[in-house]
């Protein structure tokens, strides 16, 4: 990749970060539900 090839760099960054964002959004619900369940039972 050249220094001026911002399109390819942006595409690569999007491909790298998209699965991480999806995982965080998916597990965020489980983490929050687990934390609230543990907080309310105690």
N, C-alpha and C. Protein backbone atom coordinates (compact mmCIF):
# COMPACT_ATOMS: atom_id res chain seq x y z
N UNK A 1 0.84 -1.20 0.00
CA UNK A 1 0.00 0.00 0.00
C UNK A 1 0.87 1.24 0.00
N UNK A 2 0.54 2.13 -0.89
CA UNK A 2 1.28 3.38 -0.93
C UNK A 2 0.81 4.33 0.14
N UNK A 3 1.61 5.36 0.38
CA UNK A 3 1.27 6.33 1.42
C UNK A 3 0.03 7.14 1.05
N UNK A 4 -0.24 7.27 -0.25
CA UNK A 4 -1.38 8.06 -0.68
C UNK A 4 -2.61 7.23 -0.98
N UNK A 5 -2.55 5.93 -0.74
CA UNK A 5 -3.67 5.04 -1.05
C UNK A 5 -4.63 4.99 0.14
N UNK A 6 -5.31 6.11 0.37
CA UNK A 6 -6.16 6.20 1.55
C UNK A 6 -7.42 5.34 1.40
N UNK A 7 -7.86 5.10 0.19
CA UNK A 7 -9.05 4.28 0.00
C UNK A 7 -8.82 2.86 0.48
N UNK A 8 -7.67 2.28 0.10
CA UNK A 8 -7.37 0.91 0.52
C UNK A 8 -7.12 0.87 2.02
N UNK A 9 -6.49 1.89 2.58
CA UNK A 9 -6.26 1.91 4.02
C UNK A 9 -7.59 2.01 4.78
N UNK A 10 -8.49 2.83 4.28
CA UNK A 10 -9.80 2.95 4.93
C UNK A 10 -10.57 1.64 4.83
N UNK A 11 -10.50 0.98 3.69
CA UNK A 11 -11.20 -0.29 3.52
C UNK A 11 -10.61 -1.34 4.46
N UNK A 12 -9.30 -1.39 4.55
CA UNK A 12 -8.66 -2.36 5.44
C UNK A 12 -9.02 -2.07 6.89
N UNK A 13 -9.03 -0.81 7.28
CA UNK A 13 -9.38 -0.47 8.66
C UNK A 13 -10.82 -0.85 8.95
N UNK A 14 -11.71 -0.64 8.00
CA UNK A 14 -13.12 -0.98 8.19
C UNK A 14 -13.29 -2.49 8.32
N UNK A 15 -12.56 -3.24 7.47
CA UNK A 15 -12.65 -4.70 7.52
C UNK A 15 -12.11 -5.23 8.85
N UNK A 16 -11.08 -4.55 9.38
CA UNK A 16 -10.49 -5.01 10.64
C UNK A 16 -11.38 -4.66 11.83
N UNK A 17 -12.02 -3.51 11.81
CA UNK A 17 -12.75 -3.05 12.98
C UNK A 17 -14.21 -3.49 12.99
N UNK A 18 -14.80 -3.76 11.84
CA UNK A 18 -16.22 -4.12 11.78
C UNK A 18 -16.53 -5.36 12.63
N UNK A 19 -15.79 -6.46 12.52
CA UNK A 19 -16.11 -7.62 13.37
C UNK A 19 -15.96 -7.32 14.85
N UNK A 20 -14.98 -6.50 15.21
CA UNK A 20 -14.81 -6.16 16.62
C UNK A 20 -16.01 -5.37 17.14
N UNK A 21 -16.47 -4.42 16.34
CA UNK A 21 -17.64 -3.62 16.75
C UNK A 21 -18.86 -4.52 16.89
N UNK A 22 -19.03 -5.44 15.95
CA UNK A 22 -20.18 -6.34 16.01
C UNK A 22 -20.10 -7.22 17.25
N UNK A 23 -18.91 -7.73 17.57
CA UNK A 23 -18.76 -8.56 18.76
C UNK A 23 -19.05 -7.76 20.02
N UNK A 24 -18.55 -6.55 20.10
CA UNK A 24 -18.79 -5.73 21.29
C UNK A 24 -20.28 -5.45 21.44
N UNK A 25 -20.96 -5.09 20.35
CA UNK A 25 -22.39 -4.82 20.43
C UNK A 25 -23.17 -6.08 20.81
N UNK A 26 -22.70 -7.24 20.33
CA UNK A 26 -23.40 -8.48 20.63
C UNK A 26 -23.21 -8.86 22.10
N UNK A 27 -21.97 -8.78 22.59
CA UNK A 27 -21.70 -9.20 23.95
C UNK A 27 -22.06 -8.12 24.97
N UNK A 28 -22.25 -6.89 24.53
CA UNK A 28 -22.59 -5.83 25.46
C UNK A 28 -23.92 -6.13 26.15
N UNK A 29 -24.86 -6.64 25.39
CA UNK A 29 -26.15 -6.98 25.99
C UNK A 29 -25.99 -8.06 27.03
N UNK A 30 -25.17 -9.08 26.74
CA UNK A 30 -24.99 -10.18 27.68
C UNK A 30 -24.23 -9.71 28.92
N UNK A 31 -23.25 -8.84 28.71
CA UNK A 31 -22.47 -8.34 29.85
C UNK A 31 -23.36 -7.47 30.73
N UNK A 32 -24.11 -6.57 30.13
CA UNK A 32 -24.96 -5.68 30.92
C UNK A 32 -26.04 -6.49 31.63
N UNK A 33 -26.63 -7.46 30.94
CA UNK A 33 -27.67 -8.26 31.60
C UNK A 33 -27.08 -9.08 32.72
N UNK A 34 -25.87 -9.57 32.55
CA UNK A 34 -25.22 -10.32 33.62
C UNK A 34 -24.90 -9.44 34.81
N UNK A 35 -24.43 -8.24 34.55
CA UNK A 35 -24.11 -7.33 35.65
C UNK A 35 -25.37 -6.91 36.40
N UNK A 36 -26.41 -6.59 35.67
CA UNK A 36 -27.64 -6.16 36.36
C UNK A 36 -28.27 -7.33 37.10
N UNK A 37 -28.19 -8.54 36.56
CA UNK A 37 -28.75 -9.69 37.25
C UNK A 37 -27.98 -9.95 38.54
N UNK A 38 -26.65 -9.83 38.48
CA UNK A 38 -25.86 -10.03 39.69
C UNK A 38 -26.07 -8.92 40.71
N UNK A 39 -26.34 -7.72 40.24
CA UNK A 39 -26.51 -6.60 41.18
C UNK A 39 -27.86 -6.68 41.86
N UNK A 40 -28.87 -7.15 41.15
CA UNK A 40 -30.20 -7.16 41.74
C UNK A 40 -30.40 -8.35 42.68
N UNK A 41 -29.66 -9.45 42.46
CA UNK A 41 -29.84 -10.61 43.34
C UNK A 41 -29.13 -10.42 44.67
N UNK A 42 -28.09 -9.62 44.69
CA UNK A 42 -27.32 -9.43 45.92
C UNK A 42 -27.96 -8.41 46.79
